[in-house]
């Protein structure tokens, strides 16, 4: 009698293959466990506590035992006289940082890529990259010392040219520019590394073809470099737009003072004041959840537009 092999179920076959793969490369899978645990414990598990936004938190009853109040805290935030001021300040500061800070790392990467001297190229990369490792607290201290009304270098220079001293950090209108341009100085070199890596991946034959055609350096940048890094530019732009409402809290809070708070109070600092200083945890959670939902909508929208226009997207 002839025996026929019974075909294995597709699900079982996939599991069998995955099991064999894990056994063969168990060291690599072991390396994945710590980052997975990090995201599960510190990113995904805390999401369950977002239910606090819909409850009146009671310390004794805990998060899940506190009474349900629905959209009460969201309504209080929308009716708050500071609502539009907070949204406006957050969007203006983030938009300013995006418009001014996004192109500069690209230009810096293109310029570094055109440097022919190896030592000078490494020196430029080191000088532009080093500020990124300065902590936020130290960076704010440098800004305060540099812009101090009496002994700051900026005012000493103004006085040298016969101009009056300016209280830079006390002027609400100057806060956004101080924040944005100091941030660009600190992070442009680090951000340029991504574009330098993308430039390194461009096919060398394209440069050779451009050279044969007699293209100048600017023409090579325009027709070879920029098209080669467009996918990277689009992905970084999508991620940056998705974080428009999540601008850094630490630096803004440290640069704040009673004189510039009209322009420096953003949603992140407001959540800190209401949630931690005033112990209104439910209200602060509602405001933070609203902030995250706006970021999610922006991310999905921009990703869809980028996919339709440039055929490049995150998913």
Protein backbone atom coordinates (compact mmCIF):
# COMPACT_ATOMS: atom_id res chain seq x y z
CA UNK A 1 0.00 0.00 0.00
CA UNK A 2 1.22 3.50 -0.79
CA UNK A 3 1.32 5.96 2.02
CA UNK A 4 0.33 9.58 1.52
CA UNK A 5 1.70 12.36 3.65
CA UNK A 6 -0.93 14.53 5.23
CA UNK A 7 -0.18 18.23 4.44
CA UNK A 8 0.66 20.19 7.53
CA UNK A 9 -1.69 22.98 8.55
CA UNK A 10 -0.45 26.40 7.39
CA UNK A 11 -0.59 27.80 10.91
CA UNK A 12 1.38 24.88 12.29
CA UNK A 13 3.95 25.23 9.49
CA UNK A 14 4.47 28.90 10.27
CA UNK A 15 4.87 28.16 13.98
CA UNK A 16 7.28 25.33 13.26
CA UNK A 17 9.41 27.57 11.03
CA UNK A 18 9.37 30.39 13.58
CA UNK A 19 10.36 27.98 16.36
CA UNK A 20 13.28 26.61 14.35
CA UNK A 21 14.39 30.14 13.50
CA UNK A 22 14.31 31.18 17.17
CA UNK A 23 16.30 28.12 18.22
CA UNK A 24 18.89 28.74 15.52
CA UNK A 25 19.31 32.45 16.27
CA UNK A 26 18.40 32.51 19.96
CA UNK A 27 21.20 34.99 20.77
CA UNK A 28 19.69 37.64 18.48
CA UNK A 29 16.20 37.09 19.89
CA UNK A 30 17.63 37.37 23.40
CA UNK A 31 18.98 40.83 22.54
CA UNK A 32 15.47 41.95 21.52
CA UNK A 33 13.94 41.10 24.91
CA UNK A 34 15.29 44.11 26.94
CA UNK A 35 13.99 46.80 24.52
CA UNK A 36 10.66 44.96 24.23
CA UNK A 37 10.34 44.87 28.01
CA UNK A 38 11.22 48.58 28.16
CA UNK A 39 8.42 49.52 25.76
CA UNK A 40 5.88 47.21 27.38
CA UNK A 41 6.61 48.37 30.94
CA UNK A 42 7.25 52.08 30.40
CA UNK A 43 5.26 52.86 27.22
CA UNK A 44 2.33 50.49 26.69
CA UNK A 45 1.39 49.52 30.24
CA UNK A 46 1.03 53.18 31.40
CA UNK A 47 -1.46 53.75 28.55
CA UNK A 48 -4.04 51.80 30.54
CA UNK A 49 -3.90 54.47 33.23
CA UNK A 50 -5.07 57.09 30.71
CA UNK A 51 -8.54 56.14 31.96
CA UNK A 52 -7.74 58.58 34.78
CA UNK A 53 -8.77 61.38 32.38
CA UNK A 54 -12.36 60.16 32.63
CA UNK A 55 -12.42 59.82 36.44
CA UNK A 56 -12.20 61.97 39.58
CA UNK A 57 -9.01 60.58 41.06
CA UNK A 58 -9.16 59.56 44.69
CA UNK A 59 -5.87 58.59 46.34
CA UNK A 60 -7.53 56.10 48.68
CA UNK A 61 -9.65 54.37 46.02
CA UNK A 62 -6.90 54.38 43.39
CA UNK A 63 -7.19 54.84 39.63
CA UNK A 64 -9.62 52.02 38.92
CA UNK A 65 -11.73 52.58 42.04
CA UNK A 66 -12.23 56.33 41.51
CA UNK A 67 -15.67 57.49 40.33
CA UNK A 68 -16.32 57.84 36.60
CA UNK A 69 -17.08 61.40 35.41
CA UNK A 70 -16.92 61.01 31.61
CA UNK A 71 -15.75 64.07 29.65
CA UNK A 72 -15.94 66.46 32.60
CA UNK A 73 -12.20 67.30 32.65
CA UNK A 74 -12.05 67.78 28.87
CA UNK A 75 -14.96 70.22 29.06
CA UNK A 76 -13.25 72.12 31.87
CA UNK A 77 -10.10 72.43 29.76
CA UNK A 78 -11.95 73.58 26.64
CA UNK A 79 -13.86 76.17 28.68
CA UNK A 80 -10.69 77.38 30.41
CA UNK A 81 -9.78 80.98 29.41
CA UNK A 82 -6.17 79.78 28.92
CA UNK A 83 -7.14 77.09 26.39
CA UNK A 84 -6.58 79.06 23.19
CA UNK A 85 -3.49 80.77 24.62
CA UNK A 86 -1.92 77.41 25.45
CA UNK A 87 -2.74 75.93 22.04
CA UNK A 88 -1.52 79.05 20.24
CA UNK A 89 1.76 79.20 22.17
CA UNK A 90 2.40 75.49 21.63
CA UNK A 91 1.67 75.58 17.90
CA UNK A 92 3.62 78.80 17.29
CA UNK A 93 6.68 77.57 19.16
CA UNK A 94 6.60 74.13 17.52
CA UNK A 95 5.86 75.56 14.08
CA UNK A 96 8.69 78.07 14.39
CA UNK A 97 11.08 75.30 15.42
CA UNK A 98 9.92 73.08 12.54
CA UNK A 99 10.14 75.76 9.84
CA UNK A 100 13.49 77.15 10.99
CA UNK A 101 15.11 73.97 12.27
CA UNK A 102 14.09 71.36 9.70
CA UNK A 103 16.03 72.64 6.63
CA UNK A 104 19.26 73.53 8.49
CA UNK A 105 20.45 69.94 9.20
CA UNK A 106 19.84 69.12 5.52
CA UNK A 107 21.93 72.09 4.38
CA UNK A 108 24.62 71.26 6.95
CA UNK A 109 24.78 67.64 5.75
CA UNK A 110 25.04 68.73 2.11
CA UNK A 111 27.86 71.16 2.97
CA UNK A 112 29.78 68.59 5.05
CA UNK A 113 29.35 66.07 2.25
CA UNK A 114 31.04 68.48 -0.17
CA UNK A 115 34.15 68.94 2.02
CA UNK A 116 37.06 67.14 0.42
CA UNK A 117 39.68 67.41 3.19
CA UNK A 118 39.34 64.41 5.51
CA UNK A 119 40.69 66.06 8.67
CA UNK A 120 38.75 69.28 8.19
CA UNK A 121 35.58 67.29 7.46
CA UNK A 122 35.95 65.32 10.71
CA UNK A 123 36.65 68.55 12.60
CA UNK A 124 33.48 70.20 11.26
CA UNK A 125 31.43 67.12 12.16
CA UNK A 126 32.89 67.06 15.68
CA UNK A 127 32.26 70.78 16.28
CA UNK A 128 28.67 70.62 14.98
CA UNK A 129 27.89 67.33 16.74
CA UNK A 130 29.39 68.13 20.18
CA UNK A 131 26.67 70.59 21.44
CA UNK A 132 24.11 67.79 21.33
CA UNK A 133 25.74 66.19 24.39
CA UNK A 134 25.20 69.30 26.52
CA UNK A 135 22.41 68.61 29.01
CA UNK A 136 19.28 70.76 28.97
CA UNK A 137 20.05 72.28 32.39
CA UNK A 138 23.59 73.24 31.35
CA UNK A 139 22.29 74.60 28.05
CA UNK A 140 19.75 76.82 29.79
CA UNK A 141 22.48 78.04 32.19
CA UNK A 142 24.66 78.98 29.21
CA UNK A 143 21.77 80.89 27.63
CA UNK A 144 21.03 82.76 30.86
CA UNK A 145 24.69 83.72 31.34
CA UNK A 146 25.07 84.74 27.71
CA UNK A 147 21.89 86.89 27.76
CA UNK A 148 22.19 88.27 31.32
CA UNK A 149 21.01 91.93 31.43
CA UNK A 150 24.22 93.33 32.95
CA UNK A 151 27.14 90.93 32.60
CA UNK A 152 25.97 88.81 29.66
CA UNK A 153 28.17 88.73 26.56
CA UNK A 154 25.28 89.82 24.31
CA UNK A 155 24.65 93.02 26.31
CA UNK A 156 28.38 93.74 26.70
CA UNK A 157 28.60 93.64 22.89
CA UNK A 158 25.57 95.95 22.57
CA UNK A 159 27.08 98.40 25.05
CA UNK A 160 30.38 98.34 23.16
CA UNK A 161 28.57 99.62 20.07
CA UNK A 162 26.75 102.30 22.11
CA UNK A 163 23.41 100.48 22.35
CA UNK A 164 21.32 100.02 25.47
CA UNK A 165 21.19 96.72 27.34
CA UNK A 166 18.25 94.43 26.61
CA UNK A 167 16.59 92.02 29.02
CA UNK A 168 16.29 89.26 26.43
CA UNK A 169 14.65 86.67 28.68
CA UNK A 170 12.27 89.28 30.07
CA UNK A 171 10.85 90.15 26.63
CA UNK A 172 7.92 87.84 25.73
CA UNK A 173 8.43 88.50 22.02
CA UNK A 174 12.01 87.21 22.12
CA UNK A 175 11.30 83.96 23.95
CA UNK A 176 10.47 81.87 20.87
CA UNK A 177 13.54 83.02 18.93
CA UNK A 178 15.83 82.33 21.91
CA UNK A 179 14.36 78.85 22.34
CA UNK A 180 14.38 77.93 18.64
CA UNK A 181 17.82 79.17 17.61
CA UNK A 182 19.55 77.79 20.69
CA UNK A 183 17.87 74.45 19.98
CA UNK A 184 19.02 74.55 16.35
CA UNK A 185 22.59 75.27 17.45
CA UNK A 186 22.46 72.35 19.85
CA UNK A 187 20.81 69.70 17.65
CA UNK A 188 21.59 70.56 14.00
CA UNK A 189 24.83 68.56 13.94
CA UNK A 190 23.18 65.49 15.44
CA UNK A 191 20.24 65.68 13.02
CA UNK A 192 22.62 66.07 10.07
CA UNK A 193 24.12 62.62 10.79
CA UNK A 194 20.94 60.95 9.47
CA UNK A 195 21.18 62.84 6.17
CA UNK A 196 24.93 62.15 5.92
CA UNK A 197 24.15 58.44 6.23
CA UNK A 198 21.53 58.77 3.47
CA UNK A 199 24.04 60.62 1.26
CA UNK A 200 26.60 57.87 1.82
CA UNK A 201 24.10 55.38 0.41
CA UNK A 202 23.70 57.12 -2.96
CA UNK A 203 25.04 55.10 -5.91
CA UNK A 204 28.53 56.45 -6.85
CA UNK A 205 27.81 55.82 -10.53
CA UNK A 206 25.31 58.69 -10.42
CA UNK A 207 28.11 61.08 -9.48
CA UNK A 208 30.31 59.66 -12.22
CA UNK A 209 27.54 60.12 -14.78
CA UNK A 210 26.96 63.70 -13.60
CA UNK A 211 30.72 64.38 -13.88
CA UNK A 212 30.79 63.02 -17.44
CA UNK A 213 27.87 65.28 -18.31
CA UNK A 214 29.84 68.28 -17.00
CA UNK A 215 27.61 68.98 -13.99
CA UNK A 216 28.87 71.53 -11.47
CA UNK A 217 28.85 70.94 -7.71
CA UNK A 218 25.54 72.74 -7.30
CA UNK A 219 24.02 70.74 -10.15
CA UNK A 220 25.20 67.48 -8.49
CA UNK A 221 23.58 68.57 -5.26
CA UNK A 222 20.36 69.48 -7.03
CA UNK A 223 20.05 66.47 -9.34
CA UNK A 224 21.83 63.71 -7.40
CA UNK A 225 22.09 64.49 -3.67
CA UNK A 226 18.65 65.95 -3.01
CA UNK A 227 16.66 63.30 -4.94
CA UNK A 228 18.73 60.62 -3.19
CA UNK A 229 17.76 61.79 0.31
CA UNK A 230 14.14 62.75 -0.42
CA UNK A 231 12.74 59.54 1.20
CA UNK A 232 14.73 60.28 4.38
CA UNK A 233 13.59 63.91 4.36
CA UNK A 234 9.95 62.88 4.04
CA UNK A 235 10.14 60.35 6.90
CA UNK A 236 11.87 62.84 9.23
CA UNK A 237 9.32 65.53 8.30
CA UNK A 238 6.41 63.20 9.09
CA UNK A 239 7.90 62.34 12.49
CA UNK A 240 8.57 66.01 13.28
CA UNK A 241 5.04 67.08 12.36
CA UNK A 242 3.69 64.22 14.47
CA UNK A 243 5.44 65.77 17.48
CA UNK A 244 4.28 69.35 16.90
CA UNK A 245 2.22 69.41 20.08
CA UNK A 246 4.82 67.48 22.11
CA UNK A 247 7.53 70.12 22.26
CA UNK A 248 10.11 69.59 25.01
CA UNK A 249 8.99 70.52 28.51
CA UNK A 250 12.31 70.87 30.35
CA UNK A 251 13.89 73.69 28.37
CA UNK A 252 10.69 75.73 28.12
CA UNK A 253 10.05 75.39 31.85
CA UNK A 254 13.62 76.37 32.78
CA UNK A 255 13.56 79.43 30.52
CA UNK A 256 10.20 80.59 31.87
CA UNK A 257 9.87 83.57 34.18
CA UNK A 258 6.95 85.85 35.18
CA UNK A 259 7.93 88.37 32.47
CA UNK A 260 7.83 86.04 29.45
CA UNK A 261 5.14 83.59 30.60
CA UNK A 262 2.60 85.13 28.19
CA UNK A 263 4.45 83.47 25.31
CA UNK A 264 6.26 80.67 27.12
CA UNK A 265 3.33 78.90 28.80
CA UNK A 266 2.60 75.84 26.64
CA UNK A 267 0.47 72.74 27.18
CA UNK A 268 3.37 70.68 28.61
CA UNK A 269 4.25 73.24 31.29
CA UNK A 270 0.56 73.79 32.08
CA UNK A 271 0.09 70.05 32.65
CA UNK A 272 3.05 70.09 35.03
CA UNK A 273 1.67 73.03 37.05
CA UNK A 274 -1.86 71.63 37.22
CA UNK A 275 -1.02 67.95 37.58
CA UNK A 276 1.97 67.89 39.92
CA UNK A 277 2.05 71.25 41.67
CA UNK A 278 -1.73 71.45 42.23
CA UNK A 279 -2.22 67.66 42.48
CA UNK A 280 -5.10 67.75 39.96
CA UNK A 281 -4.10 64.47 38.33
CA UNK A 282 -7.32 63.74 36.45
CA UNK A 283 -7.44 67.16 34.80
CA UNK A 284 -3.74 67.00 33.87
CA UNK A 285 -4.23 63.52 32.36
CA UNK A 286 -7.14 64.81 30.26
CA UNK A 287 -5.03 67.70 28.94
CA UNK A 288 -2.12 65.35 28.17
CA UNK A 289 -4.44 62.90 26.42
CA UNK A 290 -5.88 65.72 24.30
CA UNK A 291 -2.33 66.73 23.38
CA UNK A 292 -1.46 63.16 22.34
CA UNK A 293 -4.61 62.79 20.23
CA UNK A 294 -3.77 65.98 18.29
CA UNK A 295 -0.28 64.59 17.62
CA UNK A 296 -1.77 61.30 16.42
CA UNK A 297 -4.17 63.06 14.03
CA UNK A 298 -1.34 65.20 12.63
CA UNK A 299 0.90 62.16 12.19
CA UNK A 300 -1.75 60.14 10.32
CA UNK A 301 -2.75 63.12 8.15
CA UNK A 302 0.78 64.09 7.13
CA UNK A 303 1.72 60.45 6.54
CA UNK A 304 -1.26 60.08 4.19
CA UNK A 305 -0.43 63.28 2.30
CA UNK A 306 3.24 62.30 1.97
CA UNK A 307 2.29 58.88 0.63
CA UNK A 308 -0.03 60.42 -1.92
CA UNK A 309 2.36 63.17 -3.07
CA UNK A 310 5.83 61.57 -2.85
CA UNK A 311 4.98 57.84 -2.51
CA UNK A 312 7.11 57.80 0.67
CA UNK A 313 5.60 57.20 4.11
CA UNK A 314 6.10 55.49 7.45
CA UNK A 315 3.42 52.90 6.71
